[in-house]
Structures are given as structure tokens and as C-alpha cells.
Amino acid sequence: MKIIDVAEPSKINREPDQTVSLIQNGKSVEDGFQIQTVQMRSYKQNVDKNLGTFTIITAYVETDHGSIEILYDEGYRGETALDDSVKFLTENLGLSSLILRCTISLKNKT
């Protein structure tokens, strides 16, 4: 099962422009889910001549019970939007919160 938990899924209905893998081939367990993959993904939407590029950043978590892609951030965040989000997430203990949020969403939708 693959769940897309984004307000307008059509905006990310393609390959991401950029992907950063945070966990690959993982075996840790959270709330009964074996976490296999965690990725942050960037989808560039449009460019405004004054504001720059509008980017949607999602988190993708794959488990033994299915996968989920959720909205993490969006807006005119500059050319390093994905790298900035990954840095913030990993330096501020946000990874465990992100995984917990995704497993709760998976549990609620299954």
C-alpha cells in the first residue's frame, strides 16, 4: 500500500527533482513498523521572477506495512531548500518525530 498524504497529490505525481536518502535498508522498528527507507524529496513547481522557485518538500517513509509520502514544507525557499530541510531535520532530532508522524498516519489509514 502506498499513501500520498499531500493536499494536491497531482503536484507530486512524477519523479522528484531531488532526493536525499536518510535511511536505506533500515531494520529499526517504530510502533510495530519496520522502517526500511526514509527520504526527503523536492518537487520544483514554478519560478517567480521576484521570489524564485516554489518548491514542495515531502518526506517518504517505506515500512514493512506500506509506504507514505507526506508534506514536509513548501514555499519559496531558495535553491538549497531540500538541503536546508535535511540539515534542520537531522541536527534537531526531527528524524524520530518524522518517522513517528508517518507511522501514526500509516496506522490510521490502514
PDB file of N, CA and C in Angstrom:
ATOM      1  N   MET A   1       0.838  -1.163   0.000  1.00  0.00           N
ATOM      2  CA  MET A   1       0.000   0.000   0.000  1.00  0.00           C
ATOM      3  C   MET A   1       0.889   1.233   0.000  1.00  0.00           C
ATOM      4  N   LYS A   2       0.552   2.209  -0.837  1.00  0.00           N
ATOM      5  CA  LYS A   2       1.272   3.472  -0.884  1.00  0.00           C
ATOM      6  C   LYS A   2       0.276   4.597  -0.641  1.00  0.00           C
ATOM      7  N   ILE A   3       0.555   5.403   0.364  1.00  0.00           N
ATOM      8  CA  ILE A   3      -0.316   6.519   0.722  1.00  0.00           C
ATOM      9  C   ILE A   3       0.391   7.819   0.378  1.00  0.00           C
ATOM     10  N   ILE A   4      -0.322   8.714  -0.295  1.00  0.00           N
ATOM     11  CA  ILE A   4       0.164  10.061  -0.574  1.00  0.00           C
ATOM     12  C   ILE A   4      -0.680  11.002   0.276  1.00  0.00           C
ATOM     13  N   ASP A   5      -0.062  11.597   1.281  1.00  0.00           N
ATOM     14  CA  ASP A   5      -0.775  12.482   2.207  1.00  0.00           C
ATOM     15  C   ASP A   5      -0.355  13.926   1.952  1.00  0.00           C
ATOM     16  N   VAL A   6      -0.746  14.417   0.766  1.00  0.00           N
ATOM     17  CA  VAL A   6      -0.451  15.773   0.324  1.00  0.00           C
ATOM     18  C   VAL A   6      -1.753  16.357  -0.191  1.00  0.00           C
ATOM     19  N   ALA A   7      -1.998  17.625   0.102  1.00  0.00           N
ATOM     20  CA  ALA A   7      -3.276  18.252  -0.259  1.00  0.00           C
ATOM     21  C   ALA A   7      -3.601  18.131  -1.753  1.00  0.00           C
ATOM     22  N   GLU A   8      -2.617  18.345  -2.607  1.00  0.00           N
ATOM     23  CA  GLU A   8      -2.818  18.223  -4.048  1.00  0.00           C
ATOM     24  C   GLU A   8      -1.817  17.217  -4.611  1.00  0.00           C
ATOM     25  N   PRO A   9      -2.154  15.914  -4.543  1.00  0.00           N
ATOM     26  CA  PRO A   9      -1.211  14.882  -4.989  1.00  0.00           C
ATOM     27  C   PRO A   9      -0.759  15.035  -6.443  1.00  0.00           C
ATOM     28  N   SER A  10      -1.562  15.681  -7.270  1.00  0.00           N
ATOM     29  CA  SER A  10      -1.183  15.847  -8.678  1.00  0.00           C
ATOM     30  C   SER A  10       0.096  16.677  -8.824  1.00  0.00           C
ATOM     31  N   LYS A  11       0.416  17.507  -7.835  1.00  0.00           N
ATOM     32  CA  LYS A  11       1.622  18.332  -7.913  1.00  0.00           C
ATOM     33  C   LYS A  11       2.899  17.527  -7.725  1.00  0.00           C
ATOM     34  N   ILE A  12       2.781  16.331  -7.154  1.00  0.00           N
ATOM     35  CA  ILE A  12       3.969  15.495  -6.960  1.00  0.00           C
ATOM     36  C   ILE A  12       3.818  14.152  -7.674  1.00  0.00           C
ATOM     37  N   ASN A  13       2.953  14.093  -8.653  1.00  0.00           N
ATOM     38  CA  ASN A  13       2.693  12.857  -9.393  1.00  0.00           C
ATOM     39  C   ASN A  13       3.744  12.665 -10.494  1.00  0.00           C
ATOM     40  N   ARG A  14       5.005  12.658 -10.089  1.00  0.00           N
ATOM     41  CA  ARG A  14       6.130  12.478 -11.002  1.00  0.00           C
ATOM     42  C   ARG A  14       7.366  12.165 -10.176  1.00  0.00           C
ATOM     43  N   GLU A  15       8.454  11.915 -10.848  1.00  0.00           N
ATOM     44  CA  GLU A  15       9.710  11.684 -10.146  1.00  0.00           C
ATOM     45  C   GLU A  15      10.147  12.992  -9.484  1.00  0.00           C
ATOM     46  N   PRO A  16      10.678  12.926  -8.277  1.00  0.00           N
ATOM     47  CA  PRO A  16      11.140  14.151  -7.623  1.00  0.00           C
ATOM     48  C   PRO A  16      12.329  14.760  -8.367  1.00  0.00           C
ATOM     49  N   ASP A  17      12.470  16.073  -8.247  1.00  0.00           N
ATOM     50  CA  ASP A  17      13.608  16.755  -8.857  1.00  0.00           C
ATOM     51  C   ASP A  17      14.900  16.448  -8.105  1.00  0.00           C
ATOM     52  N   GLN A  18      14.775  16.210  -6.815  1.00  0.00           N
ATOM     53  CA  GLN A  18      15.938  15.904  -5.993  1.00  0.00           C
ATOM     54  C   GLN A  18      15.491  15.007  -4.840  1.00  0.00           C
ATOM     55  N   THR A  19      16.347  14.068  -4.462  1.00  0.00           N
ATOM     56  CA  THR A  19      16.060  13.151  -3.359  1.00  0.00           C
ATOM     57  C   THR A  19      17.296  13.015  -2.483  1.00  0.00           C
ATOM     58  N   VAL A  20      17.076  13.038  -1.166  1.00  0.00           N
ATOM     59  CA  VAL A  20      18.142  12.773  -0.212  1.00  0.00           C
ATOM     60  C   VAL A  20      17.681  11.600   0.652  1.00  0.00           C
ATOM     61  N   SER A  21      18.474  10.530   0.672  1.00  0.00           N
ATOM     62  CA  SER A  21      18.148   9.360   1.482  1.00  0.00           C
ATOM     63  C   SER A  21      18.744   9.527   2.868  1.00  0.00           C
ATOM     64  N   LEU A  22      17.905   9.374   3.879  1.00  0.00           N
ATOM     65  CA  LEU A  22      18.345   9.475   5.265  1.00  0.00           C
ATOM     66  C   LEU A  22      18.537   8.091   5.884  1.00  0.00           C
ATOM     67  N   ILE A  23      17.722   7.138   5.453  1.00  0.00           N
ATOM     68  CA  ILE A  23      17.844   5.746   5.897  1.00  0.00           C
ATOM     69  C   ILE A  23      17.622   4.866   4.677  1.00  0.00           C
ATOM     70  N   GLN A  24      18.511   3.890   4.491  1.00  0.00           N
ATOM     71  CA  GLN A  24      18.373   2.906   3.420  1.00  0.00           C
ATOM     72  C   GLN A  24      18.577   1.532   4.027  1.00  0.00           C
ATOM     73  N   ASN A  25      17.761   0.589   3.613  1.00  0.00           N
ATOM     74  CA  ASN A  25      17.865  -0.791   4.103  1.00  0.00           C
ATOM     75  C   ASN A  25      17.823  -0.858   5.625  1.00  0.00           C
ATOM     76  N   GLY A  26      16.980  -0.004   6.201  1.00  0.00           N
ATOM     77  CA  GLY A  26      16.879   0.049   7.650  1.00  0.00           C
ATOM     78  C   GLY A  26      16.154  -1.147   8.229  1.00  0.00           C
ATOM     79  N   LYS A  27      16.410  -1.392   9.487  1.00  0.00           N
ATOM     80  CA  LYS A  27      15.779  -2.511  10.169  1.00  0.00           C
ATOM     81  C   LYS A  27      15.234  -2.100  11.533  1.00  0.00           C
ATOM     82  N   SER A  28      15.235  -0.801  11.812  1.00  0.00           N
ATOM     83  CA  SER A  28      14.717  -0.363  13.112  1.00  0.00           C
ATOM     84  C   SER A  28      13.197  -0.452  13.115  1.00  0.00           C
ATOM     85  N   VAL A  29      12.643  -0.622  14.296  1.00  0.00           N
ATOM     86  CA  VAL A  29      11.195  -0.779  14.445  1.00  0.00           C
ATOM     87  C   VAL A  29      10.650   0.389  15.249  1.00  0.00           C
ATOM     88  N   GLU A  30       9.571   0.965  14.753  1.00  0.00           N
ATOM     89  CA  GLU A  30       8.885   2.062  15.424  1.00  0.00           C
ATOM     90  C   GLU A  30       7.402   1.762  15.429  1.00  0.00           C
ATOM     91  N   ASP A  31       6.838   1.601  16.614  1.00  0.00           N
ATOM     92  CA  ASP A  31       5.397   1.396  16.768  1.00  0.00           C
ATOM     93  C   ASP A  31       4.891   0.202  15.953  1.00  0.00           C
ATOM     94  N   GLY A  32       5.709  -0.861  15.878  1.00  0.00           N
ATOM     95  CA  GLY A  32       5.307  -2.067  15.157  1.00  0.00           C
ATOM     96  C   GLY A  32       5.602  -2.047  13.672  1.00  0.00           C
ATOM     97  N   PHE A  33       6.226  -0.990  13.168  1.00  0.00           N
ATOM     98  CA  PHE A  33       6.573  -0.874  11.754  1.00  0.00           C
ATOM     99  C   PHE A  33       8.089  -0.964  11.601  1.00  0.00           C
ATOM    100  N   GLN A  34       8.545  -1.828  10.711  1.00  0.00           N
ATOM    101  CA  GLN A  34       9.969  -1.875  10.414  1.00  0.00           C
ATOM    102  C   GLN A  34      10.266  -0.782   9.389  1.00  0.00           C
ATOM    103  N   ILE A  35      11.089   0.174   9.761  1.00  0.00           N
ATOM    104  CA  ILE A  35      11.414   1.312   8.899  1.00  0.00           C
ATOM    105  C   ILE A  35      12.530   0.885   7.954  1.00  0.00           C
ATOM    106  N   GLN A  36      12.222   0.868   6.651  1.00  0.00           N
ATOM    107  CA  GLN A  36      13.187   0.410   5.658  1.00  0.00           C
ATOM    108  C   GLN A  36      13.877   1.565   4.940  1.00  0.00           C
ATOM    109  N   THR A  37      13.122   2.603   4.609  1.00  0.00           N
ATOM    110  CA  THR A  37      13.658   3.726   3.845  1.00  0.00           C
ATOM    111  C   THR A  37      13.044   5.019   4.355  1.00  0.00           C
ATOM    112  N   VAL A  38      13.879   6.048   4.472  1.00  0.00           N
ATOM    113  CA  VAL A  38      13.399   7.398   4.744  1.00  0.00           C
ATOM    114  C   VAL A  38      14.108   8.322   3.764  1.00  0.00           C
ATOM    115  N   GLN A  39      13.321   9.066   3.001  1.00  0.00           N
ATOM    116  CA  GLN A  39      13.865  10.009   2.028  1.00  0.00           C
ATOM    117  C   GLN A  39      13.175  11.358   2.172  1.00  0.00           C
ATOM    118  N   MET A  40      13.914  12.392   1.859  1.00  0.00           N
ATOM    119  CA  MET A  40      13.339  13.718   1.688  1.00  0.00           C
ATOM    120  C   MET A  40      13.358  13.974   0.190  1.00  0.00           C
ATOM    121  N   ARG A  41      12.242  14.500  -0.335  1.00  0.00           N
ATOM    122  CA  ARG A  41      12.100  14.703  -1.778  1.00  0.00           C
ATOM    123  C   ARG A  41      11.709  16.138  -2.075  1.00  0.00           C
ATOM    124  N   SER A  42      12.209  16.639  -3.183  1.00  0.00           N
ATOM    125  CA  SER A  42      11.952  18.013  -3.592  1.00  0.00           C
ATOM    126  C   SER A  42      11.290  18.022  -4.963  1.00  0.00           C
ATOM    127  N   TYR A  43      10.197  18.772  -5.080  1.00  0.00           N
ATOM    128  CA  TYR A  43       9.475  18.932  -6.342  1.00  0.00           C
ATOM    129  C   TYR A  43       9.380  20.429  -6.645  1.00  0.00           C
ATOM    130  N   LYS A  44      10.068  20.866  -7.675  1.00  0.00           N
ATOM    131  CA  LYS A  44      10.002  22.277  -8.067  1.00  0.00           C
ATOM    132  C   LYS A  44       8.727  22.490  -8.859  1.00  0.00           C
ATOM    133  N   GLN A  45       8.005  23.550  -8.507  1.00  0.00           N
ATOM    134  CA  GLN A  45       6.704  23.796  -9.123  1.00  0.00           C
ATOM    135  C   GLN A  45       6.743  24.901 -10.173  1.00  0.00           C
ATOM    136  N   ASN A  46       7.100  26.083  -9.788  1.00  0.00           N
ATOM    137  CA  ASN A  46       7.139  27.191 -10.730  1.00  0.00           C
ATOM    138  C   ASN A  46       8.165  28.216 -10.253  1.00  0.00           C
ATOM    139  N   VAL A  47       8.517  29.109 -11.157  1.00  0.00           N
ATOM    140  CA  VAL A  47       9.514  30.130 -10.839  1.00  0.00           C
ATOM    141  C   VAL A  47       8.869  31.500 -10.972  1.00  0.00           C
ATOM    142  N   ASP A  48       9.001  32.279  -9.923  1.00  0.00           N
ATOM    143  CA  ASP A  48       8.559  33.672  -9.926  1.00  0.00           C
ATOM    144  C   ASP A  48       9.805  34.536 -10.089  1.00  0.00           C
ATOM    145  N   LYS A  49       9.738  35.545 -10.963  1.00  0.00           N
ATOM    146  CA  LYS A  49      10.942  36.334 -11.231  1.00  0.00           C
ATOM    147  C   LYS A  49      11.429  37.099 -10.003  1.00  0.00           C
ATOM    148  N   ASN A  50      10.543  37.371  -9.055  1.00  0.00           N
ATOM    149  CA  ASN A  50      10.946  38.085  -7.842  1.00  0.00           C
ATOM    150  C   ASN A  50      11.223  37.156  -6.663  1.00  0.00           C
ATOM    151  N   LEU A  51      10.435  36.116  -6.523  1.00  0.00           N
ATOM    152  CA  LEU A  51      10.530  35.243  -5.354  1.00  0.00           C
ATOM    153  C   LEU A  51      11.409  34.016  -5.567  1.00  0.00           C
ATOM    154  N   GLY A  52      11.628  33.630  -6.791  1.00  0.00           N
ATOM    155  CA  GLY A  52      12.422  32.439  -7.082  1.00  0.00           C
ATOM    156  C   GLY A  52      11.556  31.223  -7.328  1.00  0.00           C
ATOM    157  N   THR A  53      12.073  30.065  -6.977  1.00  0.00           N
ATOM    158  CA  THR A  53      11.410  28.792  -7.247  1.00  0.00           C
ATOM    159  C   THR A  53      10.527  28.377  -6.077  1.00  0.00           C
ATOM    160  N   PHE A  54       9.286  28.023  -6.396  1.00  0.00           N
ATOM    161  CA  PHE A  54       8.370  27.464  -5.403  1.00  0.00           C
ATOM    162  C   PHE A  54       8.625  25.963  -5.351  1.00  0.00           C
ATOM    163  N   THR A  55       8.925  25.454  -4.165  1.00  0.00           N
ATOM    164  CA  THR A  55       9.301  24.056  -4.000  1.00  0.00           C
ATOM    165  C   THR A  55       8.397  23.367  -2.987  1.00  0.00           C
ATOM    166  N   ILE A  56       7.999  22.142  -3.301  1.00  0.00           N
ATOM    167  CA  ILE A  56       7.292  21.284  -2.353  1.00  0.00           C
ATOM    168  C   ILE A  56       8.302  20.245  -1.876  1.00  0.00           C
ATOM    169  N   ILE A  57       8.456  20.145  -0.562  1.00  0.00           N
ATOM    170  CA  ILE A  57       9.356  19.160   0.029  1.00  0.00           C
ATOM    171  C   ILE A  57       8.499  18.148   0.778  1.00  0.00           C
ATOM    172  N   THR A  58       8.737  16.874   0.456  1.00  0.00           N
ATOM    173  CA  THR A  58       7.987  15.803   1.103  1.00  0.00           C
ATOM    174  C   THR A  58       8.950  14.864   1.819  1.00  0.00           C
ATOM    175  N   ALA A  59       8.386  14.105   2.733  1.00  0.00           N
ATOM    176  CA  ALA A  59       9.110  13.026   3.396  1.00  0.00           C
ATOM    177  C   ALA A  59       8.470  11.722   2.942  1.00  0.00           C
ATOM    178  N   TYR A  60       9.296  10.787   2.542  1.00  0.00           N
ATOM    179  CA  TYR A  60       8.833   9.473   2.101  1.00  0.00           C
ATOM    180  C   TYR A  60       9.377   8.439   3.074  1.00  0.00           C
ATOM    181  N   VAL A  61       8.482   7.639   3.640  1.00  0.00           N
ATOM    182  CA  VAL A  61       8.883   6.584   4.576  1.00  0.00           C
ATOM    183  C   VAL A  61       8.301   5.272   4.077  1.00  0.00           C
ATOM    184  N   GLU A  62       9.179   4.291   3.903  1.00  0.00           N
ATOM    185  CA  GLU A  62       8.761   2.961   3.467  1.00  0.00           C
ATOM    186  C   GLU A  62       8.942   2.008   4.641  1.00  0.00           C
ATOM    187  N   THR A  63       7.895   1.230   4.916  1.00  0.00           N
ATOM    188  CA  THR A  63       7.917   0.276   6.019  1.00  0.00           C
ATOM    189  C   THR A  63       7.518  -1.098   5.501  1.00  0.00           C
ATOM    190  N   ASP A  64       7.535  -2.070   6.385  1.00  0.00           N
ATOM    191  CA  ASP A  64       7.093  -3.410   6.014  1.00  0.00           C
ATOM    192  C   ASP A  64       5.579  -3.496   5.869  1.00  0.00           C
ATOM    193  N   HIS A  65       4.855  -2.442   6.264  1.00  0.00           N
ATOM    194  CA  HIS A  65       3.393  -2.419   6.137  1.00  0.00           C
ATOM    195  C   HIS A  65       2.910  -1.458   5.055  1.00  0.00           C
ATOM    196  N   GLY A  66       3.819  -0.878   4.299  1.00  0.00           N
ATOM    197  CA  GLY A  66       3.448   0.060   3.251  1.00  0.00           C
ATOM    198  C   GLY A  66       4.316   1.305   3.310  1.00  0.00           C
ATOM    199  N   SER A  67       4.015   2.239   2.429  1.00  0.00           N
ATOM    200  CA  SER A  67       4.799   3.470   2.372  1.00  0.00           C
ATOM    201  C   SER A  67       3.870   4.668   2.418  1.00  0.00           C
ATOM    202  N   ILE A  68       4.445   5.801   2.803  1.00  0.00           N
ATOM    203  CA  ILE A  68       3.682   7.035   2.882  1.00  0.00           C
ATOM    204  C   ILE A  68       4.587   8.185   2.473  1.00  0.00           C
ATOM    205  N   GLU A  69       4.021   9.121   1.741  1.00  0.00           N
ATOM    206  CA  GLU A  69       4.712  10.357   1.384  1.00  0.00           C
ATOM    207  C   GLU A  69       3.873  11.502   1.914  1.00  0.00           C
ATOM    208  N   ILE A  70       4.483  12.328   2.765  1.00  0.00           N
ATOM    209  CA  ILE A  70       3.748  13.407   3.410  1.00  0.00           C
ATOM    210  C   ILE A  70       4.411  14.745   3.104  1.00  0.00           C
ATOM    211  N   LEU A  71       3.623  15.791   3.175  1.00  0.00           N
ATOM    212  CA  LEU A  71       4.142  17.138   3.004  1.00  0.00           C
ATOM    213  C   LEU A  71       5.020  17.492   4.193  1.00  0.00           C
ATOM    214  N   TYR A  72       6.213  17.985   3.928  1.00  0.00           N
ATOM    215  CA  TYR A  72       7.111  18.447   4.985  1.00  0.00           C
ATOM    216  C   TYR A  72       7.176  19.977   4.988  1.00  0.00           C
ATOM    217  N   ASP A  73       7.318  20.589   3.815  1.00  0.00           N
ATOM    218  CA  ASP A  73       7.413  22.048   3.705  1.00  0.00           C
ATOM    219  C   ASP A  73       7.107  22.444   2.272  1.00  0.00           C
ATOM    220  N   GLU A  74       6.738  23.686   2.089  1.00  0.00           N
ATOM    221  CA  GLU A  74       6.535  24.200   0.742  1.00  0.00           C
ATOM    222  C   GLU A  74       6.678  25.709   0.762  1.00  0.00           C
ATOM    223  N   GLY A  75       7.051  26.260  -0.370  1.00  0.00           N
ATOM    224  CA  GLY A  75       7.163  27.705  -0.473  1.00  0.00           C
ATOM    225  C   GLY A  75       8.372  28.114  -1.295  1.00  0.00           C
ATOM    226  N   TYR A  76       8.613  29.408  -1.299  1.00  0.00           N
ATOM    227  CA  TYR A  76       9.768  29.975  -1.979  1.00  0.00           C
ATOM    228  C   TYR A  76      10.932  29.925  -0.991  1.00  0.00           C
ATOM    229  N   ARG A  77      11.676  28.857  -1.015  1.00  0.00           N
ATOM    230  CA  ARG A  77      12.716  28.602  -0.015  1.00  0.00           C
ATOM    231  C   ARG A  77      14.128  28.699  -0.577  1.00  0.00           C
ATOM    232  N   GLY A  78      14.279  29.075  -1.816  1.00  0.00           N
ATOM    233  CA  GLY A  78      15.611  29.203  -2.406  1.00  0.00           C
ATOM    234  C   GLY A  78      16.085  27.921  -3.054  1.00  0.00           C
ATOM    235  N   GLU A  79      17.261  27.991  -3.638  1.00  0.00           N
ATOM    236  CA  GLU A  79      17.806  26.858  -4.391  1.00  0.00           C
ATOM    237  C   GLU A  79      18.304  25.727  -3.493  1.00  0.00           C
ATOM    238  N   THR A  80      18.524  25.984  -2.222  1.00  0.00           N
ATOM    239  CA  THR A  80      19.025  24.947  -1.312  1.00  0.00           C
ATOM    240  C   THR A  80      17.930  24.471  -0.353  1.00  0.00           C
ATOM    241  N   ALA A  81      16.693  24.558  -0.772  1.00  0.00           N
ATOM    242  CA  ALA A  81      15.560  24.239   0.100  1.00  0.00           C
ATOM    243  C   ALA A  81      15.639  22.826   0.667  1.00  0.00           C
ATOM    244  N   LEU A  82      15.923  21.858  -0.163  1.00  0.00           N
ATOM    245  CA  LEU A  82      15.961  20.473   0.312  1.00  0.00           C
ATOM    246  C   LEU A  82      17.129  20.259   1.275  1.00  0.00           C
ATOM    247  N   ASP A  83      18.293  20.734   0.908  1.00  0.00           N
ATOM    248  CA  ASP A  83      19.458  20.589   1.784  1.00  0.00           C
ATOM    249  C   ASP A  83      19.235  21.284   3.125  1.00  0.00           C
ATOM    250  N   ASP A  84      18.610  22.452   3.108  1.00  0.00           N
ATOM    251  CA  ASP A  84      18.325  23.173   4.349  1.00  0.00           C
ATOM    252  C   ASP A  84      17.352  22.388   5.230  1.00  0.00           C
ATOM    253  N   SER A  85      16.337  21.791   4.610  1.00  0.00           N
ATOM    254  CA  SER A  85      15.364  20.990   5.367  1.00  0.00           C
ATOM    255  C   SER A  85      16.004  19.751   5.967  1.00  0.00           C
ATOM    256  N   VAL A  86      16.847  19.083   5.190  1.00  0.00           N
ATOM    257  CA  VAL A  86      17.537  17.888   5.688  1.00  0.00           C
ATOM    258  C   VAL A  86      18.456  18.260   6.852  1.00  0.00           C
ATOM    259  N   LYS A  87      19.172  19.346   6.712  1.00  0.00           N
ATOM    260  CA  LYS A  87      20.078  19.786   7.779  1.00  0.00           C
ATOM    261  C   LYS A  87      19.299  20.084   9.056  1.00  0.00           C
ATOM    262  N   PHE A  88      18.197  20.817   8.931  1.00  0.00           N
ATOM    263  CA  PHE A  88      17.379  21.140  10.091  1.00  0.00           C
ATOM    264  C   PHE A  88      16.829  19.869  10.738  1.00  0.00           C
ATOM    265  N   LEU A  89      16.331  18.979   9.924  1.00  0.00           N
ATOM    266  CA  LEU A  89      15.737  17.729  10.408  1.00  0.00           C
ATOM    267  C   LEU A  89      16.753  16.876  11.158  1.00  0.00           C
ATOM    268  N   THR A  90      17.940  16.726  10.609  1.00  0.00           N
ATOM    269  CA  THR A  90      18.930  15.836  11.213  1.00  0.00           C
ATOM    270  C   THR A  90      19.673  16.468  12.387  1.00  0.00           C
ATOM    271  N   GLU A  91      19.780  17.784  12.420  1.00  0.00           N
ATOM    272  CA  GLU A  91      20.513  18.440  13.506  1.00  0.00           C
ATOM    273  C   GLU A  91      19.639  18.746  14.722  1.00  0.00           C
ATOM    274  N   ASN A  92      18.343  18.611  14.586  1.00  0.00           N
ATOM    275  CA  ASN A  92      17.446  18.983  15.676  1.00  0.00           C
ATOM    276  C   ASN A  92      16.552  17.845  16.142  1.00  0.00           C
ATOM    277  N   LEU A  93      17.023  16.626  16.021  1.00  0.00           N
ATOM    278  CA  LEU A  93      16.297  15.438  16.483  1.00  0.00           C
ATOM    279  C   LEU A  93      14.907  15.307  15.863  1.00  0.00           C
ATOM    280  N   GLY A  94      14.771  15.799  14.658  1.00  0.00           N
ATOM    281  CA  GLY A  94      13.477  15.745  13.994  1.00  0.00           C
ATOM    282  C   GLY A  94      13.197  14.448  13.271  1.00  0.00           C
ATOM    283  N   LEU A  95      14.223  13.655  13.042  1.00  0.00           N
ATOM    284  CA  LEU A  95      14.043  12.423  12.278  1.00  0.00           C
ATOM    285  C   LEU A  95      13.120  11.441  12.995  1.00  0.00           C
ATOM    286  N   SER A  96      13.307  11.279  14.289  1.00  0.00           N
ATOM    287  CA  SER A  96      12.439  10.356  15.026  1.00  0.00           C
ATOM    288  C   SER A  96      10.998  10.854  15.048  1.00  0.00           C
ATOM    289  N   SER A  97      10.809  12.153  15.151  1.00  0.00           N
ATOM    290  CA  SER A  97       9.456  12.721  15.122  1.00  0.00           C
ATOM    291  C   SER A  97       8.799  12.513  13.764  1.00  0.00           C
ATOM    292  N   LEU A  98       9.572  12.691  12.711  1.00  0.00           N
ATOM    293  CA  LEU A  98       9.064  12.485  11.361  1.00  0.00           C
ATOM    294  C   LEU A  98       8.637  11.039  11.161  1.00  0.00           C
ATOM    295  N   ILE A  99       9.462  10.103  11.601  1.00  0.00           N
ATOM    296  CA  ILE A  99       9.136   8.682  11.466  1.00  0.00           C
ATOM    297  C   ILE A  99       7.889   8.345  12.275  1.00  0.00           C
ATOM    298  N   LEU A 100       7.799   8.853  13.485  1.00  0.00           N
ATOM    299  CA  LEU A 100       6.621   8.608  14.318  1.00  0.00           C
ATOM    300  C   LEU A 100       5.366   9.173  13.662  1.00  0.00           C
ATOM    301  N   ARG A 101       5.458  10.385  13.127  1.00  0.00           N
ATOM    302  CA  ARG A 101       4.315  11.003  12.438  1.00  0.00           C
ATOM    303  C   ARG A 101       3.856  10.131  11.266  1.00  0.00           C
ATOM    304  N   CYS A 102       4.800   9.594  10.515  1.00  0.00           N
ATOM    305  CA  CYS A 102       4.453   8.755   9.361  1.00  0.00           C
ATOM    306  C   CYS A 102       3.851   7.421   9.778  1.00  0.00           C
ATOM    307  N   THR A 103       4.396   6.802  10.810  1.00  0.00           N
ATOM    308  CA  THR A 103       3.827   5.522  11.250  1.00  0.00           C
ATOM    309  C   THR A 103       2.433   5.704  11.823  1.00  0.00           C
ATOM    310  N   ILE A 104       2.189   6.789  12.517  1.00  0.00           N
ATOM    311  CA  ILE A 104       0.837   7.068  13.022  1.00  0.00           C
ATOM    312  C   ILE A 104      -0.127   7.257  11.866  1.00  0.00           C
ATOM    313  N   SER A 105       0.286   7.997  10.842  1.00  0.00           N
ATOM    314  CA  SER A 105      -0.562   8.198   9.654  1.00  0.00           C
ATOM    315  C   SER A 105      -0.822   6.891   8.944  1.00  0.00           C
ATOM    316  N   LEU A 106       0.214   6.059   8.794  1.00  0.00           N
ATOM    317  CA  LEU A 106       0.021   4.747   8.167  1.00  0.00           C
ATOM    318  C   LEU A 106      -0.965   3.893   8.946  1.00  0.00           C
ATOM    319  N   LYS A 107      -0.802   3.891  10.262  1.00  0.00           N
ATOM    320  CA  LYS A 107      -1.688   3.094  11.112  1.00  0.00           C
ATOM    321  C   LYS A 107      -3.135   3.569  10.992  1.00  0.00           C
ATOM    322  N   ASN A 108      -3.331   4.874  10.951  1.00  0.00           N
ATOM    323  CA  ASN A 108      -4.689   5.437  10.860  1.00  0.00           C
ATOM    324  C   ASN A 108      -5.343   5.178   9.509  1.00  0.00           C
ATOM    325  N   LYS A 109      -4.542   5.046   8.464  1.00  0.00           N
ATOM    326  CA  LYS A 109      -5.104   4.878   7.127  1.00  0.00           C
ATOM    327  C   LYS A 109      -5.235   3.426   6.706  1.00  0.00           C
ATOM    328  N   THR A 110      -4.722   2.500   7.533  1.00  0.00           N
ATOM    329  CA  THR A 110      -4.842   1.078   7.163  1.00  0.00           C
ATOM    330  C   THR A 110      -5.899   0.398   7.972  1.00  0.00           C
TER     331      THR A 110
END
